[in-house]
């Protein structure tokens, strides 16, 4: 008996390995995989948001009003629009001690 005859005899006796009815929902596995990947991506996104990270498309966070006020005050003082006394008075109104790093940051 040659190889072709043996293969034909074995296939006739046992059937091909893919024998049987077709799956009732052929794309069910692909749909479940896509859903699983979507859930993993959503979980990663929500975890990053919970930790305070902004998404890449959101751009930079807006400047806090206190920081903007201090920046404008420092610019006006640097231009000479206000005197040292006015600068220190307005800085104290902002609870700002110029020359000190905010909250211990350097």
PDB file of N, CA and C in Angstrom:
ATOM      1  N   UNK A   1       0.847  -1.160   0.000  1.00  0.00           N
ATOM      2  CA  UNK A   1       0.000   0.000   0.000  1.00  0.00           C
ATOM      3  C   UNK A   1       0.903   1.237   0.000  1.00  0.00           C
ATOM      4  N   UNK A   2       0.644   2.160  -0.928  1.00  0.00           N
ATOM      5  CA  UNK A   2       1.448   3.376  -1.004  1.00  0.00           C
ATOM      6  C   UNK A   2       0.878   4.458  -0.077  1.00  0.00           C
ATOM      7  N   UNK A   3       1.564   5.578   0.022  1.00  0.00           N
ATOM      8  CA  UNK A   3       1.196   6.642   0.963  1.00  0.00           C
ATOM      9  C   UNK A   3      -0.151   7.256   0.619  1.00  0.00           C
ATOM     10  N   UNK A   4      -0.423   7.442  -0.655  1.00  0.00           N
ATOM     11  CA  UNK A   4      -1.687   8.040  -1.067  1.00  0.00           C
ATOM     12  C   UNK A   4      -2.852   7.133  -0.711  1.00  0.00           C
ATOM     13  N   UNK A   5      -2.700   5.858  -0.938  1.00  0.00           N
ATOM     14  CA  UNK A   5      -3.769   4.916  -0.614  1.00  0.00           C
ATOM     15  C   UNK A   5      -3.972   4.845   0.900  1.00  0.00           C
ATOM     16  N   UNK A   6      -2.888   4.891   1.672  1.00  0.00           N
ATOM     17  CA  UNK A   6      -2.993   4.835   3.132  1.00  0.00           C
ATOM     18  C   UNK A   6      -3.727   6.075   3.657  1.00  0.00           C
ATOM     19  N   UNK A   7      -3.377   7.257   3.136  1.00  0.00           N
ATOM     20  CA  UNK A   7      -4.010   8.493   3.570  1.00  0.00           C
ATOM     21  C   UNK A   7      -5.485   8.481   3.227  1.00  0.00           C
ATOM     22  N   UNK A   8      -5.827   7.999   2.043  1.00  0.00           N
ATOM     23  CA  UNK A   8      -7.230   7.933   1.642  1.00  0.00           C
ATOM     24  C   UNK A   8      -7.996   6.955   2.518  1.00  0.00           C
ATOM     25  N   UNK A   9      -7.381   5.840   2.860  1.00  0.00           N
ATOM     26  CA  UNK A   9      -8.043   4.847   3.712  1.00  0.00           C
ATOM     27  C   UNK A   9      -8.240   5.405   5.123  1.00  0.00           C
ATOM     28  N   UNK A  10      -7.217   6.091   5.667  1.00  0.00           N
ATOM     29  CA  UNK A  10      -7.316   6.659   7.017  1.00  0.00           C
ATOM     30  C   UNK A  10      -8.353   7.760   7.053  1.00  0.00           C
ATOM     31  N   UNK A  11      -8.413   8.594   6.019  1.00  0.00           N
ATOM     32  CA  UNK A  11      -9.385   9.678   5.990  1.00  0.00           C
ATOM     33  C   UNK A  11     -10.805   9.137   5.876  1.00  0.00           C
ATOM     34  N   UNK A  12     -10.963   8.056   5.124  1.00  0.00           N
ATOM     35  CA  UNK A  12     -12.287   7.470   4.980  1.00  0.00           C
ATOM     36  C   UNK A  12     -12.738   6.816   6.275  1.00  0.00           C
ATOM     37  N   UNK A  13     -11.805   6.256   7.024  1.00  0.00           N
ATOM     38  CA  UNK A  13     -12.151   5.570   8.262  1.00  0.00           C
ATOM     39  C   UNK A  13     -12.438   6.545   9.403  1.00  0.00           C
ATOM     40  N   UNK A  14     -11.649   7.573   9.518  1.00  0.00           N
ATOM     41  CA  UNK A  14     -11.776   8.488  10.661  1.00  0.00           C
ATOM     42  C   UNK A  14     -12.353   9.846  10.289  1.00  0.00           C
ATOM     43  N   UNK A  15     -12.311  10.186   9.062  1.00  0.00           N
ATOM     44  CA  UNK A  15     -12.784  11.507   8.637  1.00  0.00           C
ATOM     45  C   UNK A  15     -11.685  12.542   8.789  1.00  0.00           C
ATOM     46  N   UNK A  16     -11.775  13.639   8.082  1.00  0.00           N
ATOM     47  CA  UNK A  16     -10.754  14.674   8.193  1.00  0.00           C
ATOM     48  C   UNK A  16     -10.845  15.346   9.572  1.00  0.00           C
ATOM     49  N   UNK A  17      -9.751  15.967   9.996  1.00  0.00           N
ATOM     50  CA  UNK A  17      -9.761  16.576  11.328  1.00  0.00           C
ATOM     51  C   UNK A  17     -10.745  17.735  11.445  1.00  0.00           C
ATOM     52  N   UNK A  18     -11.140  18.306  10.348  1.00  0.00           N
ATOM     53  CA  UNK A  18     -12.081  19.422  10.391  1.00  0.00           C
ATOM     54  C   UNK A  18     -13.519  18.980  10.149  1.00  0.00           C
ATOM     55  N   UNK A  19     -13.737  17.685  10.157  1.00  0.00           N
ATOM     56  CA  UNK A  19     -15.073  17.157   9.878  1.00  0.00           C
ATOM     57  C   UNK A  19     -16.062  17.616  10.935  1.00  0.00           C
ATOM     58  N   UNK A  20     -17.263  17.772  10.547  1.00  0.00           N
ATOM     59  CA  UNK A  20     -18.324  18.195  11.440  1.00  0.00           C
ATOM     60  C   UNK A  20     -19.042  19.396  10.858  1.00  0.00           C
ATOM     61  N   UNK A  21     -20.115  19.792  11.481  1.00  0.00           N
ATOM     62  CA  UNK A  21     -20.858  20.938  10.946  1.00  0.00           C
ATOM     63  C   UNK A  21     -20.062  22.223  11.161  1.00  0.00           C
ATOM     64  N   UNK A  22     -20.288  23.227  10.327  1.00  0.00           N
ATOM     65  CA  UNK A  22     -19.593  24.495  10.512  1.00  0.00           C
ATOM     66  C   UNK A  22     -20.070  25.160  11.806  1.00  0.00           C
ATOM     67  N   UNK A  23     -19.246  26.004  12.367  1.00  0.00           N
ATOM     68  CA  UNK A  23     -19.667  26.672  13.599  1.00  0.00           C
ATOM     69  C   UNK A  23     -20.905  27.523  13.350  1.00  0.00           C
ATOM     70  N   UNK A  24     -21.755  27.602  14.349  1.00  0.00           N
ATOM     71  CA  UNK A  24     -23.003  28.349  14.169  1.00  0.00           C
ATOM     72  C   UNK A  24     -22.757  29.849  14.094  1.00  0.00           C
ATOM     73  N   UNK A  25     -21.736  30.334  14.744  1.00  0.00           N
ATOM     74  CA  UNK A  25     -21.390  31.758  14.693  1.00  0.00           C
ATOM     75  C   UNK A  25     -19.906  31.854  14.374  1.00  0.00           C
ATOM     76  N   UNK A  26     -19.532  31.908  13.098  1.00  0.00           N
ATOM     77  CA  UNK A  26     -18.129  31.836  12.732  1.00  0.00           C
ATOM     78  C   UNK A  26     -17.277  33.006  13.253  1.00  0.00           C
ATOM     79  N   UNK A  27     -17.870  34.170  13.457  1.00  0.00           N
ATOM     80  CA  UNK A  27     -17.091  35.322  13.886  1.00  0.00           C
ATOM     81  C   UNK A  27     -17.211  35.592  15.389  1.00  0.00           C
ATOM     82  N   UNK A  28     -17.785  34.652  16.101  1.00  0.00           N
ATOM     83  CA  UNK A  28     -17.975  34.847  17.533  1.00  0.00           C
ATOM     84  C   UNK A  28     -16.631  34.982  18.255  1.00  0.00           C
ATOM     85  N   UNK A  29     -15.665  34.156  17.895  1.00  0.00           N
ATOM     86  CA  UNK A  29     -14.346  34.224  18.520  1.00  0.00           C
ATOM     87  C   UNK A  29     -13.667  35.557  18.255  1.00  0.00           C
ATOM     88  N   UNK A  30     -13.756  36.047  17.025  1.00  0.00           N
ATOM     89  CA  UNK A  30     -13.144  37.333  16.682  1.00  0.00           C
ATOM     90  C   UNK A  30     -13.848  38.474  17.411  1.00  0.00           C
ATOM     91  N   UNK A  31     -15.159  38.386  17.532  1.00  0.00           N
ATOM     92  CA  UNK A  31     -15.902  39.429  18.239  1.00  0.00           C
ATOM     93  C   UNK A  31     -15.541  39.451  19.717  1.00  0.00           C
ATOM     94  N   UNK A  32     -15.395  38.281  20.321  1.00  0.00           N
ATOM     95  CA  UNK A  32     -15.028  38.211  21.735  1.00  0.00           C
ATOM     96  C   UNK A  32     -13.613  38.759  21.926  1.00  0.00           C
ATOM     97  N   UNK A  33     -12.703  38.437  21.036  1.00  0.00           N
ATOM     98  CA  UNK A  33     -11.339  38.951  21.118  1.00  0.00           C
ATOM     99  C   UNK A  33     -11.312  40.476  20.991  1.00  0.00           C
ATOM    100  N   UNK A  34     -12.051  41.029  20.044  1.00  0.00           N
ATOM    101  CA  UNK A  34     -12.113  42.490  19.883  1.00  0.00           C
ATOM    102  C   UNK A  34     -12.704  43.153  21.120  1.00  0.00           C
ATOM    103  N   UNK A  35     -13.752  42.560  21.670  1.00  0.00           N
ATOM    104  CA  UNK A  35     -14.358  43.103  22.881  1.00  0.00           C
ATOM    105  C   UNK A  35     -13.387  43.057  24.052  1.00  0.00           C
ATOM    106  N   UNK A  36     -12.646  41.976  24.168  1.00  0.00           N
ATOM    107  CA  UNK A  36     -11.656  41.855  25.241  1.00  0.00           C
ATOM    108  C   UNK A  36     -10.561  42.917  25.095  1.00  0.00           C
ATOM    109  N   UNK A  37     -10.061  43.121  23.888  1.00  0.00           N
ATOM    110  CA  UNK A  37      -9.035  44.144  23.667  1.00  0.00           C
ATOM    111  C   UNK A  37      -9.576  45.545  23.944  1.00  0.00           C
ATOM    112  N   UNK A  38     -10.820  45.790  23.572  1.00  0.00           N
ATOM    113  CA  UNK A  38     -11.441  47.081  23.842  1.00  0.00           C
ATOM    114  C   UNK A  38     -11.573  47.314  25.343  1.00  0.00           C
ATOM    115  N   UNK A  39     -11.962  46.303  26.085  1.00  0.00           N
ATOM    116  CA  UNK A  39     -12.092  46.427  27.539  1.00  0.00           C
ATOM    117  C   UNK A  39     -10.733  46.659  28.204  1.00  0.00           C
ATOM    118  N   UNK A  40      -9.693  46.012  27.704  1.00  0.00           N
ATOM    119  CA  UNK A  40      -8.343  46.225  28.251  1.00  0.00           C
ATOM    120  C   UNK A  40      -7.890  47.661  27.993  1.00  0.00           C
ATOM    121  N   UNK A  41      -8.124  48.164  26.779  1.00  0.00           N
ATOM    122  CA  UNK A  41      -7.741  49.539  26.449  1.00  0.00           C
ATOM    123  C   UNK A  41      -8.530  50.540  27.289  1.00  0.00           C
ATOM    124  N   UNK A  42      -9.822  50.295  27.469  1.00  0.00           N
ATOM    125  CA  UNK A  42     -10.644  51.180  28.287  1.00  0.00           C
ATOM    126  C   UNK A  42     -10.180  51.165  29.739  1.00  0.00           C
ATOM    127  N   UNK A  43      -9.838  50.005  30.244  1.00  0.00           N
ATOM    128  CA  UNK A  43      -9.330  49.900  31.609  1.00  0.00           C
ATOM    129  C   UNK A  43      -8.026  50.655  31.787  1.00  0.00           C
ATOM    130  N   UNK A  44      -7.125  50.553  30.815  1.00  0.00           N
ATOM    131  CA  UNK A  44      -5.856  51.283  30.888  1.00  0.00           C
ATOM    132  C   UNK A  44      -6.100  52.791  30.846  1.00  0.00           C
ATOM    133  N   UNK A  45      -7.011  53.232  29.994  1.00  0.00           N
ATOM    134  CA  UNK A  45      -7.326  54.655  29.890  1.00  0.00           C
ATOM    135  C   UNK A  45      -7.903  55.183  31.200  1.00  0.00           C
ATOM    136  N   UNK A  46      -8.857  54.459  31.776  1.00  0.00           N
ATOM    137  CA  UNK A  46      -9.473  54.908  33.028  1.00  0.00           C
ATOM    138  C   UNK A  46      -8.488  54.881  34.190  1.00  0.00           C
ATOM    139  N   UNK A  47      -7.576  53.925  34.189  1.00  0.00           N
ATOM    140  CA  UNK A  47      -6.553  53.875  35.237  1.00  0.00           C
ATOM    141  C   UNK A  47      -5.636  55.091  35.147  1.00  0.00           C
ATOM    142  N   UNK A  48      -5.234  55.465  33.944  1.00  0.00           N
ATOM    143  CA  UNK A  48      -4.381  56.633  33.771  1.00  0.00           C
ATOM    144  C   UNK A  48      -5.112  57.908  34.188  1.00  0.00           C
ATOM    145  N   UNK A  49      -6.393  58.016  33.862  1.00  0.00           N
ATOM    146  CA  UNK A  49      -7.168  59.196  34.249  1.00  0.00           C
ATOM    147  C   UNK A  49      -7.319  59.280  35.763  1.00  0.00           C
ATOM    148  N   UNK A  50      -7.483  58.127  36.416  1.00  0.00           N
ATOM    149  CA  UNK A  50      -7.634  58.115  37.872  1.00  0.00           C
ATOM    150  C   UNK A  50      -6.348  58.564  38.558  1.00  0.00           C
ATOM    151  N   UNK A  51      -5.215  58.350  37.928  1.00  0.00           N
ATOM    152  CA  UNK A  51      -3.930  58.761  38.501  1.00  0.00           C
ATOM    153  C   UNK A  51      -3.601  60.217  38.180  1.00  0.00           C
ATOM    154  N   UNK A  52      -4.491  60.906  37.499  1.00  0.00           N
ATOM    155  CA  UNK A  52      -4.292  62.324  37.225  1.00  0.00           C
ATOM    156  C   UNK A  52      -3.635  62.634  35.897  1.00  0.00           C
ATOM    157  N   UNK A  53      -3.362  61.640  35.082  1.00  0.00           N
ATOM    158  CA  UNK A  53      -2.742  61.894  33.778  1.00  0.00           C
ATOM    159  C   UNK A  53      -3.805  62.388  32.802  1.00  0.00           C
ATOM    160  N   UNK A  54      -3.385  63.285  31.938  1.00  0.00           N
ATOM    161  CA  UNK A  54      -4.301  63.781  30.912  1.00  0.00           C
ATOM    162  C   UNK A  54      -4.050  63.005  29.625  1.00  0.00           C
ATOM    163  N   UNK A  55      -5.088  62.786  28.830  1.00  0.00           N
ATOM    164  CA  UNK A  55      -4.881  62.097  27.558  1.00  0.00           C
ATOM    165  C   UNK A  55      -4.046  62.952  26.615  1.00  0.00           C
ATOM    166  N   UNK A  56      -3.320  62.319  25.691  1.00  0.00           N
ATOM    167  CA  UNK A  56      -2.420  63.071  24.807  1.00  0.00           C
ATOM    168  C   UNK A  56      -3.126  64.121  23.967  1.00  0.00           C
ATOM    169  N   UNK A  57      -4.374  63.924  23.615  1.00  0.00           N
ATOM    170  CA  UNK A  57      -5.069  64.859  22.750  1.00  0.00           C
ATOM    171  C   UNK A  57      -5.624  66.065  23.526  1.00  0.00           C
ATOM    172  N   UNK A  58      -5.543  66.047  24.853  1.00  0.00           N
ATOM    173  CA  UNK A  58      -6.108  67.131  25.653  1.00  0.00           C
ATOM    174  C   UNK A  58      -5.172  68.330  25.755  1.00  0.00           C
ATOM    175  N   UNK A  59      -3.926  68.193  25.385  1.00  0.00           N
ATOM    176  CA  UNK A  59      -2.990  69.300  25.480  1.00  0.00           C
ATOM    177  C   UNK A  59      -2.561  69.534  26.919  1.00  0.00           C
ATOM    178  N   UNK A  60      -1.997  70.691  27.168  1.00  0.00           N
ATOM    179  CA  UNK A  60      -1.502  71.008  28.499  1.00  0.00           C
ATOM    180  C   UNK A  60      -2.642  71.505  29.387  1.00  0.00           C
ATOM    181  N   UNK A  61      -2.493  71.278  30.676  1.00  0.00           N
ATOM    182  CA  UNK A  61      -3.480  71.755  31.633  1.00  0.00           C
ATOM    183  C   UNK A  61      -3.436  73.274  31.680  1.00  0.00           C
ATOM    184  N   UNK A  62      -4.582  73.905  31.851  1.00  0.00           N
ATOM    185  CA  UNK A  62      -4.568  75.370  31.928  1.00  0.00           C
ATOM    186  C   UNK A  62      -3.828  75.843  33.177  1.00  0.00           C
ATOM    187  N   UNK A  63      -3.250  77.019  33.080  1.00  0.00           N
ATOM    188  CA  UNK A  63      -2.489  77.584  34.190  1.00  0.00           C
ATOM    189  C   UNK A  63      -3.453  77.984  35.308  1.00  0.00           C
ATOM    190  N   UNK A  64      -3.155  77.600  36.555  1.00  0.00           N
ATOM    191  CA  UNK A  64      -4.035  77.995  37.659  1.00  0.00           C
ATOM    192  C   UNK A  64      -4.087  79.519  37.791  1.00  0.00           C
ATOM    193  N   UNK A  65      -5.210  80.078  38.240  1.00  0.00           N
ATOM    194  CA  UNK A  65      -5.335  81.539  38.332  1.00  0.00           C
ATOM    195  C   UNK A  65      -4.291  82.169  39.252  1.00  0.00           C
ATOM    196  N   UNK A  66      -3.934  81.478  40.351  1.00  0.00           N
ATOM    197  CA  UNK A  66      -2.945  82.030  41.268  1.00  0.00           C
ATOM    198  C   UNK A  66      -1.580  82.172  40.589  1.00  0.00           C
ATOM    199  N   UNK A  67      -1.217  81.177  39.817  1.00  0.00           N
ATOM    200  CA  UNK A  67       0.061  81.208  39.101  1.00  0.00           C
ATOM    201  C   UNK A  67       0.064  82.314  38.048  1.00  0.00           C
ATOM    202  N   UNK A  68      -1.057  82.462  37.354  1.00  0.00           N
ATOM    203  CA  UNK A  68      -1.155  83.514  36.337  1.00  0.00           C
ATOM    204  C   UNK A  68      -1.055  84.889  36.985  1.00  0.00           C
ATOM    205  N   UNK A  69      -1.708  85.085  38.139  1.00  0.00           N
ATOM    206  CA  UNK A  69      -1.656  86.379  38.822  1.00  0.00           C
ATOM    207  C   UNK A  69      -0.235  86.690  39.285  1.00  0.00           C
ATOM    208  N   UNK A  70       0.458  85.694  39.805  1.00  0.00           N
ATOM    209  CA  UNK A  70       1.843  85.911  40.246  1.00  0.00           C
ATOM    210  C   UNK A  70       2.753  86.243  39.065  1.00  0.00           C
ATOM    211  N   UNK A  71       2.520  85.556  37.951  1.00  0.00           N
ATOM    212  CA  UNK A  71       3.335  85.811  36.761  1.00  0.00           C
ATOM    213  C   UNK A  71       3.127  87.231  36.257  1.00  0.00           C
ATOM    214  N   UNK A  72       1.861  87.680  36.196  1.00  0.00           N
ATOM    215  CA  UNK A  72       1.559  89.030  35.721  1.00  0.00           C
ATOM    216  C   UNK A  72       2.141  90.070  36.674  1.00  0.00           C
ATOM    217  N   UNK A  73       2.027  89.814  37.986  1.00  0.00           N
ATOM    218  CA  UNK A  73       2.590  90.745  38.970  1.00  0.00           C
ATOM    219  C   UNK A  73       4.104  90.850  38.817  1.00  0.00           C
ATOM    220  N   UNK A  74       4.771  89.722  38.635  1.00  0.00           N
ATOM    221  CA  UNK A  74       6.227  89.735  38.461  1.00  0.00           C
ATOM    222  C   UNK A  74       6.620  90.448  37.174  1.00  0.00           C
ATOM    223  N   UNK A  75       5.834  90.260  36.107  1.00  0.00           N
ATOM    224  CA  UNK A  75       6.129  90.948  34.842  1.00  0.00           C
ATOM    225  C   UNK A  75       5.975  92.457  34.991  1.00  0.00           C
ATOM    226  N   UNK A  76       4.926  92.888  35.678  1.00  0.00           N
ATOM    227  CA  UNK A  76       4.712  94.333  35.881  1.00  0.00           C
ATOM    228  C   UNK A  76       5.841  94.940  36.708  1.00  0.00           C
ATOM    229  N   UNK A  77       6.297  94.193  37.717  1.00  0.00           N
ATOM    230  CA  UNK A  77       7.400  94.686  38.532  1.00  0.00           C
ATOM    231  C   UNK A  77       8.687  94.743  37.703  1.00  0.00           C
ATOM    232  N   UNK A  78       8.906  93.740  36.876  1.00  0.00           N
ATOM    233  CA  UNK A  78      10.112  93.707  36.049  1.00  0.00           C
ATOM    234  C   UNK A  78      10.123  94.844  35.031  1.00  0.00           C
ATOM    235  N   UNK A  79       8.953  95.228  34.525  1.00  0.00           N
ATOM    236  CA  UNK A  79       8.872  96.340  33.569  1.00  0.00           C
ATOM    237  C   UNK A  79       9.014  97.696  34.254  1.00  0.00           C
ATOM    238  N   UNK A  80       8.822  97.718  35.567  1.00  0.00           N
ATOM    239  CA  UNK A  80       8.907  98.991  36.290  1.00  0.00           C
ATOM    240  C   UNK A  80       7.578  99.683  36.415  1.00  0.00           C
ATOM    241  N   UNK A  81       6.485  98.986  36.113  1.00  0.00           N
ATOM    242  CA  UNK A  81       5.149  99.576  36.220  1.00  0.00           C
ATOM    243  C   UNK A  81       4.750  99.828  37.672  1.00  0.00           C
ATOM    244  N   UNK A  82       5.272  99.023  38.613  1.00  0.00           N
ATOM    245  CA  UNK A  82       4.924  99.171  40.026  1.00  0.00           C
ATOM    246  C   UNK A  82       6.209  99.229  40.850  1.00  0.00           C
ATOM    247  N   UNK A  83       6.102  99.841  42.011  1.00  0.00           N
ATOM    248  CA  UNK A  83       7.268  99.969  42.884  1.00  0.00           C
ATOM    249  C   UNK A  83       7.427  98.713  43.732  1.00  0.00           C
ATOM    250  N   UNK A  84       8.526  98.660  44.478  1.00  0.00           N
ATOM    251  CA  UNK A  84       8.797  97.513  45.349  1.00  0.00           C
ATOM    252  C   UNK A  84       7.702  97.387  46.399  1.00  0.00           C
ATOM    253  N   UNK A  85       7.276  98.513  46.960  1.00  0.00           N
ATOM    254  CA  UNK A  85       6.237  98.481  47.991  1.00  0.00           C
ATOM    255  C   UNK A  85       4.920  97.942  47.428  1.00  0.00           C
ATOM    256  N   UNK A  86       4.551  98.430  46.234  1.00  0.00           N
ATOM    257  CA  UNK A  86       3.311  97.951  45.613  1.00  0.00           C
ATOM    258  C   UNK A  86       3.424  96.457  45.296  1.00  0.00           C
ATOM    259  N   UNK A  87       4.588  96.077  44.811  1.00  0.00           N
ATOM    260  CA  UNK A  87       4.805  94.659  44.487  1.00  0.00           C
ATOM    261  C   UNK A  87       4.641  93.788  45.726  1.00  0.00           C
ATOM    262  N   UNK A  88       5.289  94.166  46.823  1.00  0.00           N
ATOM    263  CA  UNK A  88       5.218  93.362  48.051  1.00  0.00           C
ATOM    264  C   UNK A  88       3.801  93.355  48.632  1.00  0.00           C
ATOM    265  N   UNK A  89       3.103  94.479  48.538  1.00  0.00           N
ATOM    266  CA  UNK A  89       1.726  94.549  49.040  1.00  0.00           C
ATOM    267  C   UNK A  89       0.812  93.620  48.247  1.00  0.00           C
ATOM    268  N   UNK A  90       0.935  93.670  46.939  1.00  0.00           N
ATOM    269  CA  UNK A  90       0.085  92.822  46.090  1.00  0.00           C
ATOM    270  C   UNK A  90       0.476  91.347  46.191  1.00  0.00           C
ATOM    271  N   UNK A  91       1.757  91.093  46.383  1.00  0.00           N
ATOM    272  CA  UNK A  91       2.198  89.707  46.565  1.00  0.00           C
ATOM    273  C   UNK A  91       1.651  89.139  47.860  1.00  0.00           C
ATOM    274  N   UNK A  92       1.603  89.936  48.912  1.00  0.00           N
ATOM    275  CA  UNK A  92       1.047  89.447  50.177  1.00  0.00           C
ATOM    276  C   UNK A  92      -0.451  89.222  50.053  1.00  0.00           C
ATOM    277  N   UNK A  93      -1.129  90.008  49.218  1.00  0.00           N
ATOM    278  CA  UNK A  93      -2.563  89.790  48.983  1.00  0.00           C
ATOM    279  C   UNK A  93      -2.798  88.450  48.280  1.00  0.00           C
ATOM    280  N   UNK A  94      -1.792  87.990  47.535  1.00  0.00           N
ATOM    281  CA  UNK A  94      -1.891  86.690  46.852  1.00  0.00           C
ATOM    282  C   UNK A  94      -1.344  85.546  47.719  1.00  0.00           C
ATOM    283  N   UNK A  95      -0.988  85.861  48.980  1.00  0.00           N
ATOM    284  CA  UNK A  95      -0.352  84.876  49.869  1.00  0.00           C
ATOM    285  C   UNK A  95       0.913  84.317  49.228  1.00  0.00           C
ATOM    286  N   UNK A  96       1.707  85.224  48.689  1.00  0.00           N
ATOM    287  CA  UNK A  96       2.916  84.841  47.967  1.00  0.00           C
ATOM    288  C   UNK A  96       4.099  85.536  48.615  1.00  0.00           C
ATOM    289  N   UNK A  97       5.107  84.779  48.906  1.00  0.00           N
ATOM    290  CA  UNK A  97       6.350  85.321  49.430  1.00  0.00           C
ATOM    291  C   UNK A  97       7.381  85.204  48.311  1.00  0.00           C
ATOM    292  N   UNK A  98       7.579  86.266  47.525  1.00  0.00           N
ATOM    293  CA  UNK A  98       8.493  86.180  46.382  1.00  0.00           C
ATOM    294  C   UNK A  98       9.881  85.728  46.808  1.00  0.00           C
ATOM    295  N   UNK A  99      10.461  84.907  45.998  1.00  0.00           N
ATOM    296  CA  UNK A  99      11.793  84.375  46.287  1.00  0.00           C
ATOM    297  C   UNK A  99      11.744  83.011  46.944  1.00  0.00           C
ATOM    298  N   UNK A 100      10.587  82.600  47.418  1.00  0.00           N
ATOM    299  CA  UNK A 100      10.427  81.281  48.021  1.00  0.00           C
ATOM    300  C   UNK A 100       9.760  80.364  46.992  1.00  0.00           C
ATOM    301  N   UNK A 101      10.229  79.136  46.932  1.00  0.00           N
ATOM    302  CA  UNK A 101       9.608  78.194  46.007  1.00  0.00           C
ATOM    303  C   UNK A 101       8.277  77.743  46.600  1.00  0.00           C
ATOM    304  N   UNK A 102       7.251  77.620  45.761  1.00  0.00           N
ATOM    305  CA  UNK A 102       5.942  77.240  46.264  1.00  0.00           C
ATOM    306  C   UNK A 102       5.917  75.804  46.786  1.00  0.00           C
ATOM    307  N   UNK A 103       5.412  75.610  47.984  1.00  0.00           N
ATOM    308  CA  UNK A 103       5.219  74.291  48.605  1.00  0.00           C
ATOM    309  C   UNK A 103       6.463  73.454  48.625  1.00  0.00           C
ATOM    310  N   UNK A 104       7.610  74.056  48.817  1.00  0.00           N
ATOM    311  CA  UNK A 104       8.846  73.300  48.983  1.00  0.00           C
ATOM    312  C   UNK A 104       9.452  72.777  47.703  1.00  0.00           C
ATOM    313  N   UNK A 105       8.894  73.133  46.532  1.00  0.00           N
ATOM    314  CA  UNK A 105       9.479  72.654  45.268  1.00  0.00           C
ATOM    315  C   UNK A 105      10.617  73.561  44.858  1.00  0.00           C
ATOM    316  N   UNK A 106      11.583  73.002  44.216  1.00  0.00           N
ATOM    317  CA  UNK A 106      12.705  73.784  43.694  1.00  0.00           C
ATOM    318  C   UNK A 106      12.983  73.392  42.281  1.00  0.00           C
TER     319      UNK A 106
END
